[in-house]
Amino acid sequence: MQIALVGAGAIGGSIAASLNRSGHDVELAARGEHLAAIRESGIRLTGAWGTHTALVTANETLTRRPELALVCTKAQDARSAIEANREFLTGLPVVIVQNGLEALATARAALPDADWIGGLALYAASYLSAGEITVTTSGPTLLGSGDGPPTAATVAAAGVLAESVPAQAISNFTGAQWSKLIVNQVNAMPAITGLSVQETIANAELRAIITAGMREAVRVGRASGVRFEKVQGLSSAMLRVFTSVPATLAEQLPLLMARRMGDTPNPGSTLQSIRRGQLTEVDYLNGAVVAEAAAAGVNAPINAALTEMVHGVEASHHFMTPGAVARAVDLAAEKRG
């Protein structure tokens, strides 16, 4: 099958290499030194999904019309990437695999004449260097199309992907996006401190802030009328308990998440962007919680502080110590409280 991927970072690259290994004809739209490396020697995939070198067609934009396409850029790059490849995406089933809450709305606004399908990657992958990607923790990619059951196109796309990577079509994709947003609460702290996800959760000061941010995000979701879907063990009932028990007991959830990641350091997608000198998608993660809180008439001071700190690291290129992070969060909470 001819499959196109727009965006060849950790997520797009790992999916592309796996599709190539299964025999699909893959074209990638990539940029810069990553594009040059892929053209020269392919994508080198290692880690939990095995080892494979994928020799694929790669260009700055797509050059042919595929049968199925995936958009795997960072959230802030989605609209421009879709518009740049409009000619070859129009009229197709297109899976947009992104964090945050806005992926489907952004895609449909940028290109109404495509059959858009939402995708959530529940595995962890890291961009090691140009042309080299590793999967650090295995997991599925969930596909859906809104609040209801999956469409026929969604089920078909999930079937194609499932031949190469763990994938499934689900109902209540909106609720799954919110549950993944809670999972993604662990991404900001590595970007702020330069530590891995596991290291930030192991630190008592940082773990308390991560837990508080997660609990705040769940409360915002509830205030927004969200029905959380089960994702990586997070169910609506479990999250209700998570927000009602004492804070120290709630810290068991991020500790469990860290154990599930294993021993391979997971930098999180936000720190990976920082390391490459790129803008992060924090406005679509912690920033999304802040925006949804404002719409629901509630406050989200912890997520607002984390968003500000990530932007501070983007601008200064200097990481913060755990103590400095704790002081900044306390100060932000006092100002907003």
C-alpha atoms as a PDB file:
ATOM      1  CA  MET A   1       0.000   0.000   0.000  1.00  0.00           C
ATOM      2  CA  GLN A   2       1.213   3.530  -0.741  1.00  0.00           C
ATOM      3  CA  ILE A   3       1.330   5.461   2.534  1.00  0.00           C
ATOM      4  CA  ALA A   4       2.591   8.998   3.103  1.00  0.00           C
ATOM      5  CA  LEU A   5       3.795  10.517   6.362  1.00  0.00           C
ATOM      6  CA  VAL A   6       4.122  14.255   6.877  1.00  0.00           C
ATOM      7  CA  GLY A   7       6.559  14.758   9.743  1.00  0.00           C
ATOM      8  CA  ALA A   8       9.369  12.291  10.385  1.00  0.00           C
ATOM      9  CA  GLY A   9      10.321  12.960  13.998  1.00  0.00           C
ATOM     10  CA  ALA A  10      10.217  10.365  16.776  1.00  0.00           C
ATOM     11  CA  ILE A  11       6.585   9.394  16.172  1.00  0.00           C
ATOM     12  CA  GLY A  12       6.383   9.782  12.401  1.00  0.00           C
ATOM     13  CA  GLY A  13       9.783   8.209  11.865  1.00  0.00           C
ATOM     14  CA  SER A  14       9.068   5.157  14.020  1.00  0.00           C
ATOM     15  CA  ILE A  15       5.745   4.545  12.267  1.00  0.00           C
ATOM     16  CA  ALA A  16       7.315   5.055   8.835  1.00  0.00           C
ATOM     17  CA  ALA A  17      10.124   2.583   9.547  1.00  0.00           C
ATOM     18  CA  SER A  18       7.657  -0.001  10.839  1.00  0.00           C
ATOM     19  CA  LEU A  19       5.395   0.399   7.795  1.00  0.00           C
ATOM     20  CA  ASN A  20       8.413  -0.019   5.513  1.00  0.00           C
ATOM     21  CA  ARG A  21       9.435  -3.178   7.367  1.00  0.00           C
ATOM     22  CA  SER A  22       5.949  -4.598   6.678  1.00  0.00           C
ATOM     23  CA  GLY A  23       6.343  -3.996   2.966  1.00  0.00           C
ATOM     24  CA  HIS A  24       4.385  -0.778   2.465  1.00  0.00           C
ATOM     25  CA  ASP A  25       5.557   1.813  -0.076  1.00  0.00           C
ATOM     26  CA  VAL A  26       6.314   4.816   2.151  1.00  0.00           C
ATOM     27  CA  GLU A  27       6.994   8.442   1.265  1.00  0.00           C
ATOM     28  CA  LEU A  28       8.059  10.891   3.971  1.00  0.00           C
ATOM     29  CA  ALA A  29       7.874  14.665   4.084  1.00  0.00           C
ATOM     30  CA  ALA A  30      10.757  15.795   6.311  1.00  0.00           C
ATOM     31  CA  ARG A  31      13.110  18.745   6.766  1.00  0.00           C
ATOM     32  CA  GLY A  32      16.714  19.780   7.260  1.00  0.00           C
ATOM     33  CA  GLU A  33      19.477  17.428   8.303  1.00  0.00           C
ATOM     34  CA  HIS A  34      16.949  14.715   9.164  1.00  0.00           C
ATOM     35  CA  LEU A  35      15.754  14.719   5.544  1.00  0.00           C
ATOM     36  CA  ALA A  36      19.334  14.609   4.269  1.00  0.00           C
ATOM     37  CA  ALA A  37      20.183  11.654   6.531  1.00  0.00           C
ATOM     38  CA  ILE A  38      17.070   9.714   5.506  1.00  0.00           C
ATOM     39  CA  ARG A  39      17.842  10.269   1.827  1.00  0.00           C
ATOM     40  CA  GLU A  40      21.405   9.094   2.294  1.00  0.00           C
ATOM     41  CA  SER A  41      20.964   6.047   4.548  1.00  0.00           C
ATOM     42  CA  GLY A  42      17.312   5.686   5.557  1.00  0.00           C
ATOM     43  CA  ILE A  43      15.719   5.700   9.003  1.00  0.00           C
ATOM     44  CA  ARG A  44      17.510   3.600  11.599  1.00  0.00           C
ATOM     45  CA  LEU A  45      14.918   2.273  14.086  1.00  0.00           C
ATOM     46  CA  THR A  46      15.989   0.629  17.360  1.00  0.00           C
ATOM     47  CA  GLY A  47      14.445  -0.158  20.719  1.00  0.00           C
ATOM     48  CA  ALA A  48      11.231  -1.846  21.787  1.00  0.00           C
ATOM     49  CA  TRP A  49       9.964  -2.360  18.225  1.00  0.00           C
ATOM     50  CA  GLY A  50      13.135  -4.069  17.086  1.00  0.00           C
ATOM     51  CA  THR A  51      15.922  -2.959  14.785  1.00  0.00           C
ATOM     52  CA  HIS A  52      15.333  -1.998  11.177  1.00  0.00           C
ATOM     53  CA  THR A  53      16.815   0.345   8.604  1.00  0.00           C
ATOM     54  CA  ALA A  54      14.022   1.726   6.414  1.00  0.00           C
ATOM     55  CA  LEU A  55      15.019   2.932   2.964  1.00  0.00           C
ATOM     56  CA  VAL A  56      12.094   5.179   2.060  1.00  0.00           C
ATOM     57  CA  THR A  57      11.364   7.981  -0.366  1.00  0.00           C
ATOM     58  CA  ALA A  58      11.832  11.330   1.387  1.00  0.00           C
ATOM     59  CA  ASN A  59      11.236  14.896   0.208  1.00  0.00           C
ATOM     60  CA  GLU A  60      10.496  18.304   1.700  1.00  0.00           C
ATOM     61  CA  THR A  61       6.862  17.893   0.619  1.00  0.00           C
ATOM     62  CA  LEU A  62       4.970  14.938  -0.800  1.00  0.00           C
ATOM     63  CA  THR A  63       5.398  14.259  -4.505  1.00  0.00           C
ATOM     64  CA  ARG A  64       2.671  11.711  -5.150  1.00  0.00           C
ATOM     65  CA  ARG A  65      -0.843  10.833  -4.047  1.00  0.00           C
ATOM     66  CA  PRO A  66      -0.933   7.943  -1.521  1.00  0.00           C
ATOM     67  CA  GLU A  67      -3.797   5.690  -0.482  1.00  0.00           C
ATOM     68  CA  LEU A  68      -3.481   6.639   3.199  1.00  0.00           C
ATOM     69  CA  ALA A  69      -1.642   9.517   4.861  1.00  0.00           C
ATOM     70  CA  LEU A  70      -0.527  10.402   8.380  1.00  0.00           C
ATOM     71  CA  VAL A  71       0.392  13.835   9.719  1.00  0.00           C
ATOM     72  CA  CYS A  72       2.829  13.440  12.623  1.00  0.00           C
ATOM     73  CA  THR A  73       4.222  16.946  13.108  1.00  0.00           C
ATOM     74  CA  LYS A  74       4.292  18.890  16.355  1.00  0.00           C
ATOM     75  CA  ALA A  75       0.924  20.493  17.052  1.00  0.00           C
ATOM     76  CA  GLN A  76       2.156  24.015  16.275  1.00  0.00           C
ATOM     77  CA  ASP A  77       3.401  22.897  12.839  1.00  0.00           C
ATOM     78  CA  ALA A  78       0.284  21.015  11.752  1.00  0.00           C
ATOM     79  CA  ARG A  79      -1.557  23.713   9.826  1.00  0.00           C
ATOM     80  CA  SER A  80       1.435  24.803   7.736  1.00  0.00           C
ATOM     81  CA  ALA A  81       2.396  21.173   7.029  1.00  0.00           C
ATOM     82  CA  ILE A  82      -1.127  20.322   5.894  1.00  0.00           C
ATOM     83  CA  GLU A  83      -1.302  23.376   3.660  1.00  0.00           C
ATOM     84  CA  ALA A  84       2.096  22.610   2.118  1.00  0.00           C
ATOM     85  CA  ASN A  85       0.896  19.121   1.167  1.00  0.00           C
ATOM     86  CA  ARG A  86      -2.712  20.003   0.356  1.00  0.00           C
ATOM     87  CA  GLU A  87      -2.471  18.767  -3.260  1.00  0.00           C
ATOM     88  CA  PHE A  88      -1.755  15.198  -2.208  1.00  0.00           C
ATOM     89  CA  LEU A  89      -3.973  15.021   0.917  1.00  0.00           C
ATOM     90  CA  THR A  90      -7.261  16.293  -0.514  1.00  0.00           C
ATOM     91  CA  GLY A  91      -9.948  13.611  -0.614  1.00  0.00           C
ATOM     92  CA  LEU A  92      -7.907  11.050   1.350  1.00  0.00           C
ATOM     93  CA  PRO A  93      -8.305   9.377   4.731  1.00  0.00           C
ATOM     94  CA  VAL A  94      -5.649  11.201   6.794  1.00  0.00           C
ATOM     95  CA  VAL A  95      -4.627  10.312  10.355  1.00  0.00           C
ATOM     96  CA  ILE A  96      -3.325  13.233  12.413  1.00  0.00           C
ATOM     97  CA  VAL A  97      -1.205  11.871  15.279  1.00  0.00           C
ATOM     98  CA  GLN A  98      -0.629  14.591  17.857  1.00  0.00           C
ATOM     99  CA  ASN A  99      -0.783  15.473  21.513  1.00  0.00           C
ATOM    100  CA  GLY A 100      -3.236  18.002  22.899  1.00  0.00           C
ATOM    101  CA  LEU A 101      -6.897  18.622  22.163  1.00  0.00           C
ATOM    102  CA  GLU A 102      -6.928  20.628  18.929  1.00  0.00           C
ATOM    103  CA  ALA A 103      -5.583  18.225  16.295  1.00  0.00           C
ATOM    104  CA  LEU A 104      -8.819  17.329  14.523  1.00  0.00           C
ATOM    105  CA  ALA A 105     -10.225  20.854  14.644  1.00  0.00           C
ATOM    106  CA  THR A 106      -6.998  22.307  13.244  1.00  0.00           C
ATOM    107  CA  ALA A 107      -6.798  19.695  10.493  1.00  0.00           C
ATOM    108  CA  ARG A 108     -10.411  20.096   9.407  1.00  0.00           C
ATOM    109  CA  ALA A 109     -10.064  23.864   9.312  1.00  0.00           C
ATOM    110  CA  ALA A 110      -6.854  23.667   7.255  1.00  0.00           C
ATOM    111  CA  LEU A 111      -8.199  21.098   4.785  1.00  0.00           C
ATOM    112  CA  PRO A 112     -11.968  20.423   4.937  1.00  0.00           C
ATOM    113  CA  ASP A 113     -11.781  18.154   1.873  1.00  0.00           C
ATOM    114  CA  ALA A 114     -10.111  15.201   3.615  1.00  0.00           C
ATOM    115  CA  ASP A 115     -11.449  12.413   5.810  1.00  0.00           C
ATOM    116  CA  TRP A 116      -9.649  13.305   9.029  1.00  0.00           C
ATOM    117  CA  ILE A 117      -8.961  10.705  11.707  1.00  0.00           C
ATOM    118  CA  GLY A 118      -7.442  11.491  15.097  1.00  0.00           C
ATOM    119  CA  GLY A 119      -4.466   9.525  16.397  1.00  0.00           C
ATOM    120  CA  LEU A 120      -2.858   9.278  19.833  1.00  0.00           C
ATOM    121  CA  ALA A 121       0.554   7.622  20.202  1.00  0.00           C
ATOM    122  CA  LEU A 122       0.739   5.835  23.548  1.00  0.00           C
ATOM    123  CA  TYR A 123       4.305   4.671  23.081  1.00  0.00           C
ATOM    124  CA  ALA A 124       7.481   6.609  23.861  1.00  0.00           C
ATOM    125  CA  ALA A 125      10.025   7.267  21.139  1.00  0.00           C
ATOM    126  CA  SER A 126      13.118   9.439  21.005  1.00  0.00           C
ATOM    127  CA  TYR A 127      14.842  11.219  18.133  1.00  0.00           C
ATOM    128  CA  LEU A 128      18.481  10.274  18.778  1.00  0.00           C
ATOM    129  CA  SER A 129      20.041  12.094  15.854  1.00  0.00           C
ATOM    130  CA  ALA A 130      19.327  12.753  12.194  1.00  0.00           C
ATOM    131  CA  GLY A 131      17.986   9.513  10.733  1.00  0.00           C
ATOM    132  CA  GLU A 132      18.066   7.627  14.075  1.00  0.00           C
ATOM    133  CA  ILE A 133      15.003   6.933  16.223  1.00  0.00           C
ATOM    134  CA  THR A 134      14.456   4.575  19.151  1.00  0.00           C
ATOM    135  CA  VAL A 135      11.250   3.346  20.758  1.00  0.00           C
ATOM    136  CA  THR A 136      11.885   3.441  24.508  1.00  0.00           C
ATOM    137  CA  THR A 137       8.499   2.131  25.680  1.00  0.00           C
ATOM    138  CA  SER A 138       6.097   0.151  23.514  1.00  0.00           C
ATOM    139  CA  GLY A 139       2.392   0.930  23.319  1.00  0.00           C
ATOM    140  CA  PRO A 140      -0.476   1.315  20.856  1.00  0.00           C
ATOM    141  CA  THR A 141      -1.654   4.157  18.662  1.00  0.00           C
ATOM    142  CA  LEU A 142      -5.353   4.884  19.228  1.00  0.00           C
ATOM    143  CA  LEU A 143      -7.477   6.138  16.338  1.00  0.00           C
ATOM    144  CA  GLY A 144     -10.841   7.869  16.596  1.00  0.00           C
ATOM    145  CA  SER A 145     -12.983  10.601  15.162  1.00  0.00           C
ATOM    146  CA  GLY A 146     -14.811  12.499  17.915  1.00  0.00           C
ATOM    147  CA  ASP A 147     -17.133  11.774  20.824  1.00  0.00           C
ATOM    148  CA  GLY A 148     -18.908   8.819  19.228  1.00  0.00           C
ATOM    149  CA  PRO A 149     -17.939   5.450  17.755  1.00  0.00           C
ATOM    150  CA  PRO A 150     -15.133   5.192  15.185  1.00  0.00           C
ATOM    151  CA  THR A 151     -16.041   5.780  11.552  1.00  0.00           C
ATOM    152  CA  ALA A 152     -15.569   3.179   8.834  1.00  0.00           C
ATOM    153  CA  ALA A 153     -12.492   5.074   7.618  1.00  0.00           C
ATOM    154  CA  THR A 154     -11.067   5.040  11.148  1.00  0.00           C
ATOM    155  CA  VAL A 155     -11.526   1.288  11.482  1.00  0.00           C
ATOM    156  CA  ALA A 156      -9.934   0.732   8.071  1.00  0.00           C
ATOM    157  CA  ALA A 157      -6.928   2.937   8.863  1.00  0.00           C
ATOM    158  CA  ALA A 158      -6.425   1.198  12.210  1.00  0.00           C
ATOM    159  CA  GLY A 159      -6.458  -2.138  10.403  1.00  0.00           C
ATOM    160  CA  VAL A 160      -3.725  -1.013   8.018  1.00  0.00           C
ATOM    161  CA  LEU A 161      -1.516   0.340  10.798  1.00  0.00           C
ATOM    162  CA  ALA A 162      -2.080  -2.728  12.985  1.00  0.00           C
ATOM    163  CA  GLU A 163      -0.230  -4.808  10.394  1.00  0.00           C
ATOM    164  CA  SER A 164       2.960  -2.924  11.339  1.00  0.00           C
ATOM    165  CA  VAL A 165       2.506  -1.246  14.756  1.00  0.00           C
ATOM    166  CA  PRO A 166       0.112  -1.741  17.676  1.00  0.00           C
ATOM    167  CA  ALA A 167      -3.014   0.216  16.692  1.00  0.00           C
ATOM    168  CA  GLN A 168      -6.749   0.156  17.348  1.00  0.00           C
ATOM    169  CA  ALA A 169      -9.893   2.172  16.623  1.00  0.00           C
ATOM    170  CA  ILE A 170     -11.767   3.471  19.670  1.00  0.00           C
ATOM    171  CA  SER A 171     -14.949   5.286  20.641  1.00  0.00           C
ATOM    172  CA  ASN A 172     -14.966   8.574  22.586  1.00  0.00           C
ATOM    173  CA  PHE A 173     -11.729   9.810  21.055  1.00  0.00           C
ATOM    174  CA  THR A 174     -12.270  13.220  22.685  1.00  0.00           C
ATOM    175  CA  GLY A 175     -12.241  11.581  26.115  1.00  0.00           C
ATOM    176  CA  ALA A 176      -9.085   9.696  25.153  1.00  0.00           C
ATOM    177  CA  GLN A 177      -7.419  12.977  24.151  1.00  0.00           C
ATOM    178  CA  TRP A 178      -8.147  14.341  27.606  1.00  0.00           C
ATOM    179  CA  SER A 179      -6.818  11.213  29.318  1.00  0.00           C
ATOM    180  CA  LYS A 180      -3.639  11.425  27.210  1.00  0.00           C
ATOM    181  CA  LEU A 181      -3.391  15.097  28.198  1.00  0.00           C
ATOM    182  CA  ILE A 182      -3.221  13.930  31.824  1.00  0.00           C
ATOM    183  CA  VAL A 183      -0.453  11.474  30.881  1.00  0.00           C
ATOM    184  CA  ASN A 184       1.387  14.282  29.073  1.00  0.00           C
ATOM    185  CA  GLN A 185       1.537  16.268  32.312  1.00  0.00           C
ATOM    186  CA  VAL A 186       4.892  14.540  32.875  1.00  0.00           C
ATOM    187  CA  ASN A 187       6.384  16.287  29.807  1.00  0.00           C
ATOM    188  CA  ALA A 188       6.815  19.825  31.105  1.00  0.00           C
ATOM    189  CA  MET A 189       9.133  19.092  34.027  1.00  0.00           C
ATOM    190  CA  PRO A 190      11.906  17.451  31.948  1.00  0.00           C
ATOM    191  CA  ALA A 191      11.826  20.451  29.594  1.00  0.00           C
ATOM    192  CA  ILE A 192      12.203  22.798  32.559  1.00  0.00           C
ATOM    193  CA  THR A 193      14.939  20.871  34.382  1.00  0.00           C
ATOM    194  CA  GLY A 194      16.758  18.914  31.656  1.00  0.00           C
ATOM    195  CA  LEU A 195      16.132  15.685  33.573  1.00  0.00           C
ATOM    196  CA  SER A 196      14.402  12.564  32.272  1.00  0.00           C
ATOM    197  CA  VAL A 197      10.761  11.874  33.121  1.00  0.00           C
ATOM    198  CA  GLN A 198      11.860   9.159  35.543  1.00  0.00           C
ATOM    199  CA  GLU A 199      14.313  11.497  37.296  1.00  0.00           C
ATOM    200  CA  THR A 200      11.746  14.257  37.752  1.00  0.00           C
ATOM    201  CA  ILE A 201       9.227  11.825  39.229  1.00  0.00           C
ATOM    202  CA  ALA A 202      11.878  10.378  41.561  1.00  0.00           C
ATOM    203  CA  ASN A 203      12.546  13.869  42.958  1.00  0.00           C
ATOM    204  CA  ALA A 204      10.131  14.553  45.843  1.00  0.00           C
ATOM    205  CA  GLU A 205       9.775  18.298  45.146  1.00  0.00           C
ATOM    206  CA  LEU A 206       9.147  17.826  41.457  1.00  0.00           C
ATOM    207  CA  ARG A 207       6.877  14.809  41.929  1.00  0.00           C
ATOM    208  CA  ALA A 208       4.592  16.848  44.192  1.00  0.00           C
ATOM    209  CA  ILE A 209       4.274  19.543  41.493  1.00  0.00           C
ATOM    210  CA  ILE A 210       3.685  17.010  38.714  1.00  0.00           C
ATOM    211  CA  THR A 211       0.969  15.365  40.795  1.00  0.00           C
ATOM    212  CA  ALA A 212      -0.670  18.707  41.587  1.00  0.00           C
ATOM    213  CA  GLY A 213      -0.624  19.646  37.893  1.00  0.00           C
ATOM    214  CA  MET A 214      -2.237  16.352  36.945  1.00  0.00           C
ATOM    215  CA  ARG A 215      -4.952  16.740  39.574  1.00  0.00           C
ATOM    216  CA  GLU A 216      -5.593  20.289  38.426  1.00  0.00           C
ATOM    217  CA  ALA A 217      -5.939  19.116  34.814  1.00  0.00           C
ATOM    218  CA  VAL A 218      -8.444  16.412  35.786  1.00  0.00           C
ATOM    219  CA  ARG A 219     -10.546  18.973  37.656  1.00  0.00           C
ATOM    220  CA  VAL A 220     -10.493  21.287  34.635  1.00  0.00           C
ATOM    221  CA  GLY A 221     -11.638  18.416  32.434  1.00  0.00           C
ATOM    222  CA  ARG A 222     -14.516  17.684  34.755  1.00  0.00           C
ATOM    223  CA  ALA A 223     -15.479  21.361  34.852  1.00  0.00           C
ATOM    224  CA  SER A 224     -15.514  21.233  31.044  1.00  0.00           C
ATOM    225  CA  GLY A 225     -17.900  18.266  31.010  1.00  0.00           C
ATOM    226  CA  VAL A 226     -15.357  15.738  29.759  1.00  0.00           C
ATOM    227  CA  ARG A 227     -16.002  11.992  29.937  1.00  0.00           C
ATOM    228  CA  PHE A 228     -12.493  10.586  30.313  1.00  0.00           C
ATOM    229  CA  GLU A 229     -11.757   7.472  28.246  1.00  0.00           C
ATOM    230  CA  LYS A 230      -9.531   4.693  29.560  1.00  0.00           C
ATOM    231  CA  VAL A 231      -5.965   5.316  28.380  1.00  0.00           C
ATOM    232  CA  GLN A 232      -2.838   3.689  29.823  1.00  0.00           C
ATOM    233  CA  GLY A 233      -4.771   2.607  32.902  1.00  0.00           C
ATOM    234  CA  LEU A 234      -6.327   6.021  33.482  1.00  0.00           C
ATOM    235  CA  SER A 235     -10.105   5.646  33.618  1.00  0.00           C
ATOM    236  CA  SER A 236     -12.785   8.106  34.665  1.00  0.00           C
ATOM    237  CA  ALA A 237     -13.299   6.257  37.953  1.00  0.00           C
ATOM    238  CA  MET A 238      -9.584   6.046  38.648  1.00  0.00           C
ATOM    239  CA  LEU A 239      -9.094   9.762  37.977  1.00  0.00           C
ATOM    240  CA  ARG A 240     -11.986  10.580  40.289  1.00  0.00           C
ATOM    241  CA  VAL A 241     -10.169   8.739  43.088  1.00  0.00           C
ATOM    242  CA  PHE A 242      -6.877  10.382  42.083  1.00  0.00           C
ATOM    243  CA  THR A 243      -8.320  13.859  42.694  1.00  0.00           C
ATOM    244  CA  SER A 244     -10.060  12.958  45.960  1.00  0.00           C
ATOM    245  CA  VAL A 245      -7.323  11.183  47.955  1.00  0.00           C
ATOM    246  CA  PRO A 246      -4.638  13.080  49.912  1.00  0.00           C
ATOM    247  CA  ALA A 247      -1.946  14.603  47.698  1.00  0.00           C
ATOM    248  CA  THR A 248       0.824  12.358  49.030  1.00  0.00           C
ATOM    249  CA  LEU A 249      -1.212   9.259  48.202  1.00  0.00           C
ATOM    250  CA  ALA A 250      -1.997  10.635  44.729  1.00  0.00           C
ATOM    251  CA  GLU A 251       1.757  10.700  44.030  1.00  0.00           C
ATOM    252  CA  GLN A 252       1.560   6.936  43.564  1.00  0.00           C
ATOM    253  CA  LEU A 253       0.130   7.545  40.079  1.00  0.00           C
ATOM    254  CA  PRO A 254       3.183   9.308  38.573  1.00  0.00           C
ATOM    255  CA  LEU A 255       5.406   6.802  40.394  1.00  0.00           C
ATOM    256  CA  LEU A 256       3.498   3.990  38.681  1.00  0.00           C
ATOM    257  CA  MET A 257       3.835   5.761  35.325  1.00  0.00           C
ATOM    258  CA  ALA A 258       7.601   6.018  35.812  1.00  0.00           C
ATOM    259  CA  ARG A 259       7.874   2.302  36.627  1.00  0.00           C
ATOM    260  CA  ARG A 260       5.967   1.436  33.464  1.00  0.00           C
ATOM    261  CA  MET A 261       8.477   3.444  31.416  1.00  0.00           C
ATOM    262  CA  GLY A 262      11.274   1.107  32.502  1.00  0.00           C
ATOM    263  CA  ASP A 263      14.922   1.960  32.989  1.00  0.00           C
ATOM    264  CA  THR A 264      15.645   3.631  29.645  1.00  0.00           C
ATOM    265  CA  PRO A 265      15.605   7.397  30.329  1.00  0.00           C
ATOM    266  CA  ASN A 266      12.528   8.973  28.732  1.00  0.00           C
ATOM    267  CA  PRO A 267      13.132  12.665  27.958  1.00  0.00           C
ATOM    268  CA  GLY A 268       9.562  13.331  26.878  1.00  0.00           C
ATOM    269  CA  SER A 269       8.691  15.081  23.636  1.00  0.00           C
ATOM    270  CA  THR A 270       8.944  18.582  25.094  1.00  0.00           C
ATOM    271  CA  LEU A 271      12.549  18.184  26.266  1.00  0.00           C
ATOM    272  CA  GLN A 272      13.445  16.639  22.918  1.00  0.00           C
ATOM    273  CA  SER A 273      12.303  19.857  21.236  1.00  0.00           C
ATOM    274  CA  ILE A 274      14.324  21.947  23.704  1.00  0.00           C
ATOM    275  CA  ARG A 275      17.445  19.893  23.009  1.00  0.00           C
ATOM    276  CA  ARG A 276      17.050  20.444  19.271  1.00  0.00           C
ATOM    277  CA  GLY A 277      16.620  24.193  19.737  1.00  0.00           C
ATOM    278  CA  GLN A 278      12.988  24.071  18.583  1.00  0.00           C
ATOM    279  CA  LEU A 279       9.873  25.605  20.052  1.00  0.00           C
ATOM    280  CA  THR A 280       7.897  23.122  22.120  1.00  0.00           C
ATOM    281  CA  GLU A 281       4.216  22.213  22.000  1.00  0.00           C
ATOM    282  CA  VAL A 282       3.683  23.169  25.660  1.00  0.00           C
ATOM    283  CA  ASP A 283       0.877  25.570  24.660  1.00  0.00           C
ATOM    284  CA  TYR A 284      -1.020  22.508  23.401  1.00  0.00           C
ATOM    285  CA  LEU A 285      -0.350  20.509  26.586  1.00  0.00           C
ATOM    286  CA  ASN A 286      -0.198  22.453  29.858  1.00  0.00           C
ATOM    287  CA  GLY A 287      -1.311  25.532  27.952  1.00  0.00           C
ATOM    288  CA  ALA A 288      -4.406  23.660  26.758  1.00  0.00           C
ATOM    289  CA  VAL A 289      -5.366  23.044  30.384  1.00  0.00           C
ATOM    290  CA  VAL A 290      -5.063  26.762  31.088  1.00  0.00           C
ATOM    291  CA  ALA A 291      -7.203  27.655  28.064  1.00  0.00           C
ATOM    292  CA  GLU A 292      -9.885  25.082  28.931  1.00  0.00           C
ATOM    293  CA  ALA A 293      -9.896  26.311  32.530  1.00  0.00           C
ATOM    294  CA  ALA A 294     -10.540  29.882  31.397  1.00  0.00           C
ATOM    295  CA  ALA A 295     -13.382  28.700  29.153  1.00  0.00           C
ATOM    296  CA  ALA A 296     -14.913  26.789  32.071  1.00  0.00           C
ATOM    297  CA  GLY A 297     -14.538  29.707  34.483  1.00  0.00           C
ATOM    298  CA  VAL A 298     -11.979  28.039  36.747  1.00  0.00           C
ATOM    299  CA  ASN A 299      -8.274  28.578  37.477  1.00  0.00           C
ATOM    300  CA  ALA A 300      -5.256  26.452  36.574  1.00  0.00           C
ATOM    301  CA  PRO A 301      -2.312  28.207  38.280  1.00  0.00           C
ATOM    302  CA  ILE A 302       0.044  25.221  38.319  1.00  0.00           C
ATOM    303  CA  ASN A 303      -0.326  24.508  34.610  1.00  0.00           C
ATOM    304  CA  ALA A 304       0.009  28.221  33.891  1.00  0.00           C
ATOM    305  CA  ALA A 305       3.270  28.336  35.857  1.00  0.00           C
ATOM    306  CA  LEU A 306       4.654  25.244  34.127  1.00  0.00           C
ATOM    307  CA  THR A 307       3.783  26.700  30.721  1.00  0.00           C
ATOM    308  CA  GLU A 308       5.573  29.947  31.580  1.00  0.00           C
ATOM    309  CA  MET A 309       8.668  28.088  32.813  1.00  0.00           C
ATOM    310  CA  VAL A 310       8.931  25.996  29.640  1.00  0.00           C
ATOM    311  CA  HIS A 311       8.747  29.177  27.580  1.00  0.00           C
ATOM    312  CA  GLY A 312      11.422  30.641  29.848  1.00  0.00           C
ATOM    313  CA  VAL A 313      13.766  27.739  29.084  1.00  0.00           C
ATOM    314  CA  GLU A 314      12.997  28.087  25.361  1.00  0.00           C
ATOM    315  CA  ALA A 315      14.110  31.723  25.534  1.00  0.00           C
ATOM    316  CA  SER A 316      17.066  31.434  27.931  1.00  0.00           C
ATOM    317  CA  HIS A 317      18.390  27.959  27.050  1.00  0.00           C
ATOM    318  CA  HIS A 318      19.044  27.448  30.764  1.00  0.00           C
ATOM    319  CA  PHE A 319      17.406  24.714  32.817  1.00  0.00           C
ATOM    320  CA  MET A 320      16.058  25.305  36.324  1.00  0.00           C
ATOM    321  CA  THR A 321      16.950  23.451  39.517  1.00  0.00           C
ATOM    322  CA  PRO A 322      14.197  21.565  41.377  1.00  0.00           C
ATOM    323  CA  GLY A 323      14.302  24.147  44.171  1.00  0.00           C
ATOM    324  CA  ALA A 324      13.877  27.029  41.747  1.00  0.00           C
ATOM    325  CA  VAL A 325      10.946  25.250  40.101  1.00  0.00           C
ATOM    326  CA  ALA A 326       9.251  24.723  43.461  1.00  0.00           C
ATOM    327  CA  ARG A 327       9.682  28.395  44.388  1.00  0.00           C
ATOM    328  CA  ALA A 328       8.311  29.552  41.032  1.00  0.00           C
ATOM    329  CA  VAL A 329       5.229  27.334  41.348  1.00  0.00           C
ATOM    330  CA  ASP A 330       4.582  28.515  44.911  1.00  0.00           C
ATOM    331  CA  LEU A 331       4.877  32.142  43.828  1.00  0.00           C
ATOM    332  CA  ALA A 332       2.545  31.634  40.855  1.00  0.00           C
ATOM    333  CA  ALA A 333      -0.026  29.907  43.053  1.00  0.00           C
ATOM    334  CA  GLU A 334       0.085  32.779  45.543  1.00  0.00           C
ATOM    335  CA  LYS A 335      -0.406  35.388  42.808  1.00  0.00           C
ATOM    336  CA  ARG A 336      -3.342  33.542  41.274  1.00  0.00           C
ATOM    337  CA  GLY A 337      -4.808  32.377  44.558  1.00  0.00           C
END
